[in-house]
Protein backbone atom coordinates (compact mmCIF):
# COMPACT_ATOMS: atom_id res chain seq x y z
CA MET A 1 12.09 4.35 17.53
CA TRP A 2 11.70 7.63 15.65
CA ILE A 3 11.20 5.65 12.43
CA ILE A 4 8.55 3.49 14.08
CA ALA A 5 6.77 6.50 15.58
CA GLY A 6 6.79 8.53 12.35
CA GLN A 7 5.70 5.67 10.12
CA SER A 8 2.98 4.62 12.56
CA MET A 9 1.37 8.03 12.12
CA THR A 10 1.51 7.99 8.31
CA LYS A 11 0.32 4.37 8.12
CA LEU A 12 -2.67 5.20 10.34
CA GLY A 13 -3.43 8.09 8.01
CA ASP A 14 -3.30 5.66 5.09
CA VAL A 15 -5.96 3.48 6.70
CA LEU A 16 -8.28 6.40 7.44
CA THR A 17 -8.00 7.75 3.87
CA ASN A 18 -7.69 4.47 1.94
CA PRO A 19 -8.94 4.92 -1.66
CA LYS A 20 -10.08 1.27 -1.73
CA THR A 21 -12.55 1.87 1.08
CA VAL A 22 -12.88 5.36 2.60
CA LEU A 23 -12.44 7.58 -0.47
CA THR A 24 -14.58 5.30 -2.63
CA TRP A 25 -17.34 5.29 -0.03
CA MET A 26 -17.15 9.06 0.45
CA LEU A 27 -17.39 9.92 -3.26
CA SER A 28 -20.07 7.29 -3.83
CA ALA A 29 -22.15 8.81 -1.03
CA LEU A 30 -21.68 12.26 -2.61
CA GLY A 31 -22.92 10.92 -5.95
CA ALA A 32 -19.69 11.29 -7.92
CA PRO A 33 -19.56 9.52 -11.32
CA GLY A 34 -18.64 5.84 -11.22
CA ALA A 35 -15.84 6.33 -13.76
CA LEU A 36 -14.03 8.54 -11.26
CA LEU A 37 -14.37 5.94 -8.52
CA SER A 38 -12.76 3.28 -10.69
CA MET A 39 -9.72 5.52 -11.23
CA LEU A 40 -8.89 6.15 -7.57
CA VAL A 41 -6.91 2.98 -6.84
CA PRO A 42 -4.91 2.85 -10.12
CA VAL A 43 -3.93 6.53 -9.79
CA ARG A 44 -2.96 6.02 -6.15
CA GLU A 45 -0.98 2.80 -6.65
CA ALA A 46 0.70 3.44 -10.00
CA GLY A 47 1.09 7.18 -9.42
CA SER A 48 3.27 6.64 -6.36
CA MET A 49 5.60 4.17 -8.11
CA LEU A 50 5.79 5.17 -11.77
CA PRO A 51 7.85 8.39 -11.19
CA GLN A 52 10.43 6.75 -8.93
CA LEU A 53 12.84 5.82 -11.71
CA PHE A 54 13.07 9.50 -12.63
CA VAL A 55 13.06 11.13 -9.16
CA SER A 56 15.66 8.79 -7.61
CA GLY A 57 18.48 10.85 -9.12
CA PHE A 58 17.13 13.92 -7.33
CA VAL A 59 16.91 12.02 -4.03
CA LYS A 60 20.55 10.90 -4.35
CA LYS A 61 21.69 14.52 -4.23
CA PHE A 62 20.72 14.84 -0.56
CA GLU A 63 23.23 14.08 2.17
CA ARG A 64 20.37 13.25 4.56
CA ARG A 65 17.47 11.51 2.91
CA LYS A 66 15.15 12.04 5.88
CA LEU A 67 14.66 15.61 4.65
CA VAL A 68 13.13 14.26 1.45
CA PHE A 69 10.73 12.13 3.49
CA VAL A 70 9.71 15.07 5.69
CA ALA A 71 8.98 17.28 2.66
CA GLY A 72 7.03 14.46 1.00
CA ALA A 73 4.97 13.81 4.13
CA LEU A 74 4.03 17.49 4.40
CA ALA A 75 2.98 17.51 0.74
CA GLN A 76 0.83 14.43 1.40
CA ALA A 77 -0.78 16.22 4.36
CA LEU A 78 -1.70 19.13 2.08
CA ALA A 79 -3.18 16.81 -0.56
CA ILE A 80 -5.28 14.95 2.02
CA ALA A 81 -6.57 18.20 3.53
CA MET A 82 -7.60 19.42 0.07
CA MET A 83 -9.57 16.18 -0.47
CA GLY A 84 -11.57 16.77 2.70
CA VAL A 85 -12.26 20.42 1.86
CA ALA A 86 -13.36 19.50 -1.68
CA ALA A 87 -15.80 16.87 -0.40
CA LEU A 88 -17.28 19.36 2.06
CA MET A 89 -17.62 22.36 -0.26
CA LEU A 90 -17.93 21.26 -3.91
CA PRO A 91 -20.73 19.63 -5.93
CA ALA A 92 -20.45 15.88 -6.47
CA THR A 93 -18.75 15.84 -9.89
CA ALA A 94 -16.39 18.72 -9.11
CA ALA A 95 -15.53 17.12 -5.78
CA GLY A 96 -14.80 13.82 -7.54
CA TRP A 97 -12.40 15.36 -10.05
CA THR A 98 -10.71 17.45 -7.33
CA VAL A 99 -10.23 14.43 -5.08
CA LEU A 100 -8.79 12.45 -8.01
CA ALA A 101 -6.33 15.29 -8.77
CA CYS A 102 -5.36 15.39 -5.08
CA VAL A 103 -4.83 11.62 -5.11
CA ALA A 104 -2.38 12.13 -8.00
CA LEU A 105 -0.56 14.86 -6.01
CA PHE A 106 -0.54 12.61 -2.95
CA ALA A 107 0.92 9.73 -5.00
CA LEU A 108 3.69 11.90 -6.46
CA ALA A 109 4.72 13.09 -2.99
CA ARG A 110 4.60 9.51 -1.77
CA SER A 111 7.08 8.42 -4.46
CA PHE A 112 9.75 10.61 -2.84
CA CYS A 113 8.91 9.19 0.60
CA SER A 114 9.10 5.62 -0.67
CA ILE A 115 12.65 5.96 -1.99
CA SER A 116 14.01 8.05 0.88
CA SER A 117 12.50 5.92 3.66
CA LYS A 118 14.31 2.78 2.48
CA ASP A 119 17.59 4.68 2.31
CA VAL A 120 17.09 5.99 5.84
CA LEU A 121 16.17 2.54 7.13
CA GLY A 122 19.26 1.00 5.51
CA ARG A 123 21.56 3.67 6.96
CA THR A 124 20.21 3.74 10.51
CA VAL A 125 19.05 0.17 11.31
CA PRO A 126 21.38 -2.85 10.99
CA LYS A 127 20.53 -5.81 8.81
CA GLY A 128 18.55 -8.41 10.73
CA PHE A 129 16.32 -5.85 12.46
CA ARG A 130 14.81 -3.92 9.56
CA GLY A 131 11.82 -6.22 9.09
CA ARG A 132 10.88 -5.89 12.74
CA VAL A 133 10.99 -2.10 12.48
CA GLY A 134 8.46 -2.19 9.64
CA GLY A 135 6.44 -4.89 11.37
CA LEU A 136 6.21 -2.98 14.64
CA SER A 137 5.13 0.25 12.94
CA ASN A 138 2.48 -1.68 11.00
CA ALA A 139 1.29 -3.38 14.20
CA ILE A 140 1.02 -0.07 16.06
CA SER A 141 -0.84 1.66 13.23
CA GLY A 142 -3.07 -1.40 12.83
CA SER A 143 -3.98 -1.35 16.51
CA LEU A 144 -4.73 2.38 16.36
CA SER A 145 -6.84 1.99 13.21
CA ALA A 146 -8.78 -0.89 14.77
CA GLY A 147 -9.50 1.37 17.73
CA ALA A 148 -10.55 4.14 15.37
CA ALA A 149 -12.93 1.72 13.62
CA VAL A 150 -14.57 0.91 16.95
CA VAL A 151 -15.00 4.63 17.63
CA LEU A 152 -16.57 5.09 14.18
CA ILE A 153 -19.40 2.79 15.24
CA LEU A 154 -20.59 5.62 17.51
CA PHE A 155 -21.10 7.76 14.39
CA ARG A 156 -22.98 5.14 12.36
CA ASP A 157 -26.17 7.26 12.27
CA HIS A 158 -24.40 10.36 10.89
CA GLU A 159 -24.68 11.46 7.27
CA THR A 160 -22.02 9.38 5.51
CA ALA A 161 -20.41 11.77 3.03
CA GLY A 162 -20.05 14.73 5.38
CA PHE A 163 -18.72 12.62 8.22
CA LEU A 164 -16.13 10.91 6.03
CA ALA A 165 -15.06 14.28 4.59
CA TRP A 166 -14.36 15.59 8.10
CA MET A 167 -12.51 12.36 8.93
CA VAL A 168 -10.29 12.74 5.85
CA LEU A 169 -9.62 16.39 6.65
CA GLY A 170 -8.66 15.50 10.23
CA ALA A 171 -6.42 12.65 9.07
CA SER A 172 -4.15 15.14 7.29
CA VAL A 173 -2.75 16.05 10.72
CA LEU A 174 -1.29 12.54 11.00
CA TRP A 175 1.16 13.23 8.16
CA VAL A 176 2.25 16.45 9.84
CA LEU A 177 2.92 14.50 13.05
CA GLY A 178 4.72 11.81 11.07
CA ALA A 179 6.96 14.39 9.42
CA ALA A 180 7.79 15.97 12.78
CA LEU A 181 8.70 12.63 14.36
CA TYR A 182 10.70 11.48 11.34
CA SER A 183 12.77 14.67 11.39
CA CYS A 184 14.19 13.58 14.78
CA ILE A 185 16.01 10.57 13.26
CA ASN A 186 19.78 10.69 13.66
CA GLU A 187 20.75 9.84 10.09
CA PRO A 188 24.44 9.82 9.11
CA ALA A 189 25.29 12.09 6.20
CA ALA A 190 26.16 10.52 2.86
CA GLU A 191 28.08 11.82 -0.10
CA PRO A 192 25.54 13.46 -2.40
CA GLU A 193 25.65 12.45 -6.05
CA SER A 194 27.05 15.40 -7.93
CA GLY A 195 25.72 14.80 -11.40
CA GLY A 196 24.56 12.41 -14.08
CA ALA A 197 21.81 10.90 -11.97
CA GLU A 198 19.03 12.08 -14.21
CA GLU A 199 20.78 10.65 -17.26
CA GLY A 200 21.18 7.28 -15.54
CA TRP A 201 17.49 6.34 -15.42
CA LEU A 202 17.79 4.13 -18.49
CA GLN A 203 20.69 2.23 -16.94
CA ARG A 204 18.64 1.70 -13.79
CA LEU A 205 15.79 0.36 -15.89
CA PHE A 206 18.15 -2.07 -17.66
CA LEU A 207 18.84 -3.75 -14.31
CA VAL A 208 15.96 -6.07 -15.13
CA ARG A 209 17.93 -7.34 -18.13
CA GLU A 210 21.42 -7.37 -16.63
CA ASP A 211 20.86 -8.48 -13.01
CA PRO A 212 19.35 -11.99 -12.65
CA MET A 213 18.48 -11.55 -8.97
CA PHE A 214 16.72 -8.26 -9.61
CA ARG A 215 14.83 -9.81 -12.53
CA ALA A 216 13.67 -12.70 -10.33
CA PHE A 217 12.48 -10.18 -7.72
CA ILE A 218 10.44 -8.30 -10.34
CA ILE A 219 8.82 -11.54 -11.49
CA ALA A 220 7.91 -12.57 -7.93
CA ARG A 221 6.66 -9.13 -6.97
CA GLY A 222 4.71 -8.78 -10.20
CA LEU A 223 2.85 -12.05 -9.65
CA LEU A 224 2.21 -11.16 -6.02
CA LEU A 225 0.37 -8.01 -7.16
CA GLY A 226 -2.68 -10.22 -6.78
CA THR A 227 -2.48 -9.67 -3.02
CA ALA A 228 -2.83 -5.90 -3.50
CA LEU A 229 -5.28 -5.72 -6.39
CA ALA A 230 -7.81 -8.30 -5.18
CA SER A 231 -8.78 -6.46 -1.98
CA PRO A 232 -11.32 -4.11 -3.64
CA LEU A 233 -13.09 -7.17 -5.09
CA LEU A 234 -13.68 -8.48 -1.58
CA VAL A 235 -15.10 -5.08 -0.60
CA VAL A 236 -17.41 -5.17 -3.64
CA LEU A 237 -18.60 -8.68 -2.73
CA GLY A 238 -19.25 -7.55 0.83
CA GLN A 239 -21.18 -4.37 0.11
CA ARG A 240 -24.67 -4.13 1.65
CA SER A 241 -27.49 -1.72 0.92
CA GLY A 242 -27.86 0.87 3.68
CA GLY A 243 -25.78 1.16 6.85
CA GLN A 244 -22.77 2.36 4.88
CA ILE A 245 -20.76 3.51 7.89
CA THR A 246 -21.31 0.18 9.65
CA SER A 247 -20.24 -1.77 6.56
CA LEU A 248 -17.18 0.41 6.08
CA VAL A 249 -16.22 0.01 9.74
CA GLY A 250 -16.09 -3.77 9.31
CA PHE A 251 -13.47 -3.51 6.60
CA ILE A 252 -11.44 -0.81 8.39
CA LEU A 253 -11.50 -2.93 11.54
CA ALA A 254 -10.42 -6.03 9.58
CA SER A 255 -7.56 -4.13 7.93
CA GLY A 256 -6.35 -2.80 11.26
CA MET A 257 -6.60 -6.16 12.98
CA ALA A 258 -4.67 -7.84 10.15
CA SER A 259 -1.74 -5.45 10.63
CA ALA A 260 -1.89 -5.51 14.42
CA ALA A 261 -2.05 -9.29 14.70
CA SER A 262 0.50 -10.35 12.12
CA SER A 263 2.94 -7.59 11.16
CA PHE A 264 5.51 -8.10 13.90
CA LEU A 265 5.65 -11.86 13.22
CA TRP A 266 5.95 -11.22 9.50
CA GLY A 267 8.72 -8.74 10.27
CA ARG A 268 10.69 -11.34 12.24
CA LEU A 269 10.31 -13.81 9.37
CA ALA A 270 11.37 -11.13 6.87
CA ASP A 271 14.53 -10.47 8.88
CA ARG A 272 15.44 -14.11 8.46
CA ALA A 273 14.47 -14.22 4.78
CA GLY A 274 12.28 -11.66 3.03
CA GLU A 275 11.57 -14.21 0.30
CA TRP A 276 9.95 -16.62 2.77
CA SER A 277 7.69 -13.84 4.05
CA MET A 278 6.66 -13.06 0.46
CA ALA A 279 5.98 -16.73 -0.31
CA ALA A 280 4.02 -17.45 2.86
CA GLY A 281 1.99 -14.25 2.53
CA GLY A 282 1.09 -15.06 -1.06
CA LEU A 283 -0.06 -18.52 -0.03
CA VAL A 284 -2.24 -17.16 2.80
CA ALA A 285 -3.84 -14.59 0.47
CA ALA A 286 -4.53 -17.25 -2.17
CA VAL A 287 -6.23 -19.53 0.37
CA ALA A 288 -8.39 -16.64 1.64
CA GLY A 289 -9.40 -15.67 -1.89
CA VAL A 290 -10.32 -19.25 -2.82
CA ALA A 291 -12.37 -19.46 0.39
CA GLY A 292 -14.26 -16.32 -0.68
CA ILE A 293 -15.02 -17.83 -4.09
CA ALA A 294 -16.18 -21.08 -2.46
CA ILE A 295 -18.49 -19.21 -0.09
CA SER A 296 -20.09 -17.30 -2.98
CA TRP A 297 -20.67 -20.43 -5.03
CA LEU A 298 -21.39 -23.09 -2.44
CA ALA A 299 -22.78 -21.22 0.58
CA PRO A 300 -24.85 -18.22 -0.58
CA GLY A 301 -26.52 -18.08 2.82
CA TRP A 302 -23.16 -17.41 4.43
CA ALA A 303 -22.34 -14.84 1.75
CA ASP A 304 -25.28 -12.74 2.99
CA ALA A 305 -23.96 -12.66 6.57
CA ALA A 306 -22.51 -9.27 7.50
CA TRP A 307 -19.44 -10.76 9.21
CA VAL A 308 -18.27 -13.12 6.45
CA TRP A 309 -16.62 -10.74 4.02
CA PRO A 310 -14.78 -8.65 6.64
CA LEU A 311 -13.45 -11.97 7.98
CA VAL A 312 -12.24 -13.06 4.52
CA PHE A 313 -10.80 -9.54 4.07
CA LEU A 314 -8.98 -9.94 7.42
CA VAL A 315 -7.28 -13.20 6.45
CA PHE A 316 -6.48 -11.93 2.96
CA ASN A 317 -4.83 -8.81 4.39
CA ILE A 318 -2.78 -10.90 6.81
CA GLY A 319 -1.27 -12.49 3.71
CA TYR A 320 -0.83 -9.10 2.04
CA ALA A 321 1.03 -7.82 5.12
CA GLY A 322 3.51 -10.70 4.77
CA VAL A 323 4.11 -9.99 1.09
CA ARG A 324 4.51 -6.25 1.67
CA LEU A 325 6.93 -6.56 4.60
CA GLY A 326 8.86 -9.32 2.86
CA ARG A 327 9.48 -7.39 -0.35
CA LYS A 328 10.38 -4.17 1.47
CA THR A 329 12.86 -5.93 3.74
CA TRP A 330 14.32 -7.93 0.85
CA VAL A 331 15.04 -4.87 -1.29
CA VAL A 332 16.73 -3.05 1.63
CA ASP A 333 18.85 -6.06 2.59
CA ALA A 334 19.78 -7.24 -0.91
CA VAL A 335 22.17 -4.42 -1.80
CA GLU A 336 23.82 -1.41 -0.14
CA GLY A 337 24.27 2.31 -0.75
CA ASP A 338 22.95 4.00 -3.88
CA ARG A 339 22.56 0.56 -5.46
CA ARG A 340 19.63 0.15 -3.08
CA THR A 341 18.12 3.38 -4.40
CA ASP A 342 18.45 2.03 -7.93
CA TYR A 343 16.74 -1.25 -6.97
CA VAL A 344 13.87 0.56 -5.24
CA SER A 345 13.24 3.12 -7.97
CA ALA A 346 13.55 0.72 -10.91
CA SER A 347 11.41 -2.00 -9.31
CA ASN A 348 8.64 0.40 -8.30
CA THR A 349 8.46 1.98 -11.75
CA LEU A 350 8.31 -1.42 -13.46
CA ILE A 351 5.66 -2.63 -11.01
CA ALA A 352 3.61 0.51 -11.67
CA VAL A 353 3.55 -0.36 -15.38
CA LEU A 354 2.48 -3.91 -14.47
CA ILE A 355 -0.31 -2.54 -12.22
CA LEU A 356 -1.72 -0.47 -15.09
CA ALA A 357 -1.44 -3.38 -17.53
CA THR A 358 -3.03 -5.82 -15.09
CA GLY A 359 -5.85 -3.38 -14.37
CA LEU A 360 -6.59 -3.00 -18.07
CA LEU A 361 -6.60 -6.77 -18.61
CA HIS A 362 -8.79 -7.42 -15.57
CA SER A 363 -11.28 -4.62 -16.24
CA PRO A 364 -13.51 -6.53 -18.71
CA LEU A 365 -13.17 -9.73 -16.67
CA GLN A 366 -14.20 -7.91 -13.50
CA ALA A 367 -17.18 -6.34 -15.30
CA TRP A 368 -18.27 -9.83 -16.36
CA SER A 369 -17.70 -11.51 -12.98
CA PRO A 370 -15.79 -10.26 -9.89
CA LEU A 371 -15.39 -13.89 -8.84
CA ALA A 372 -13.59 -14.77 -12.09
CA SER A 373 -11.22 -11.85 -11.60
CA LEU A 374 -10.66 -12.87 -7.98
CA GLY A 375 -9.86 -16.41 -9.10
CA LEU A 376 -7.21 -15.17 -11.52
CA TYR A 377 -5.66 -13.01 -8.80
CA CYS A 378 -5.51 -16.07 -6.51
CA ALA A 379 -3.68 -17.99 -9.25
CA MET A 380 -1.20 -15.10 -9.50
CA CYS A 381 -0.65 -15.27 -5.73
CA LEU A 382 0.17 -18.97 -5.88
CA ALA A 383 2.56 -18.47 -8.80
CA GLY A 384 4.14 -15.53 -6.97
CA ALA A 385 4.74 -17.68 -3.88
CA GLY A 386 6.62 -20.16 -6.05
CA ALA A 387 8.64 -17.37 -7.68
CA ALA A 388 9.59 -16.04 -4.23
CA VAL A 389 10.95 -19.47 -3.26
CA ARG A 390 13.07 -19.43 -6.43
CA LEU A 391 14.31 -15.96 -5.43
CA ARG A 392 15.53 -17.53 -2.20
CA ARG A 393 17.61 -20.05 -4.13
CA LEU A 394 19.13 -17.30 -6.30
CA GLY A 395 20.07 -15.35 -3.18
CA ARG A 396 21.92 -18.34 -1.80
CA ASP A 397 23.81 -18.84 -5.08
């Protein structure tokens, strides 16, 4: 319950400071350069995963990994608070660069939390219940964020940039609360690794060559990146001139409702087989993305309706929730002890490289046509669902 309570706070903070929606809207309203806006999501996503191969040795030295999570959450709170202050006090360009630097700091702190949280979950919650823990925390945070989105409607007439800056600044408190709740977990002590961890990063990276099951997981997760990277395209397709707060609220509400409505069910499925949750989530996301493309091409009248794109975003994020819970549960259940830390750190670093490579490849395609880029991401989702099914067969063997 302490895990659920702590993670619910940090996940709610993630929704209220999401670089795909809130930070992009805030800096755009300030008038920050477009080049800075395009860097927010890659820095946030890749920056939190790329260092994990190198920091995992440091994490292994702690007898109680919850302390690493608490320190990381407090560092994230500081980074978020600095973003809000920068948006309130600095000129547009300076605020943009400062927020981007704070996003990098936030991502680095998050890399420590990502590794340590899976260790804590594996040590304190028995196999068969871990997916439901993640699902319940997602559902709670989704319900709270949906409620927050409804409250935001009351502020739709306020000046957008200033209001969002105050919202980001206030959201930093959620990470402080999350750290306080997480510190109450009764985690059994483990033998700290005494040395050689830093020198072992290359061996951890070579898991992709030497471990067939780990390699299959990387392939499935890499293809299913389409569920994470396509979301901003749906936001772009749904943007309307004027009424920025109202438009933003629709996507925040859709994101919250997706987590609230589906996460616990995805968690139960992930406890039975994380691979099935990944496969089903990828399929749902692909269907939602294809529906969005069809609406744009075949029903332009519908595409102009304010409710259509938040609805597509809702269904797409239901699929993303399944993929995310499935892969997290799979990597915690697949192996035990420090081997789990190796799996988490190596997979996240490799996926970060794939995120950067995919972003570079998609950038010219997205500039030419967001729909073409969305179509390619949908194809990746379908292929990833098939790769997840193959992962299931390898697990049985």
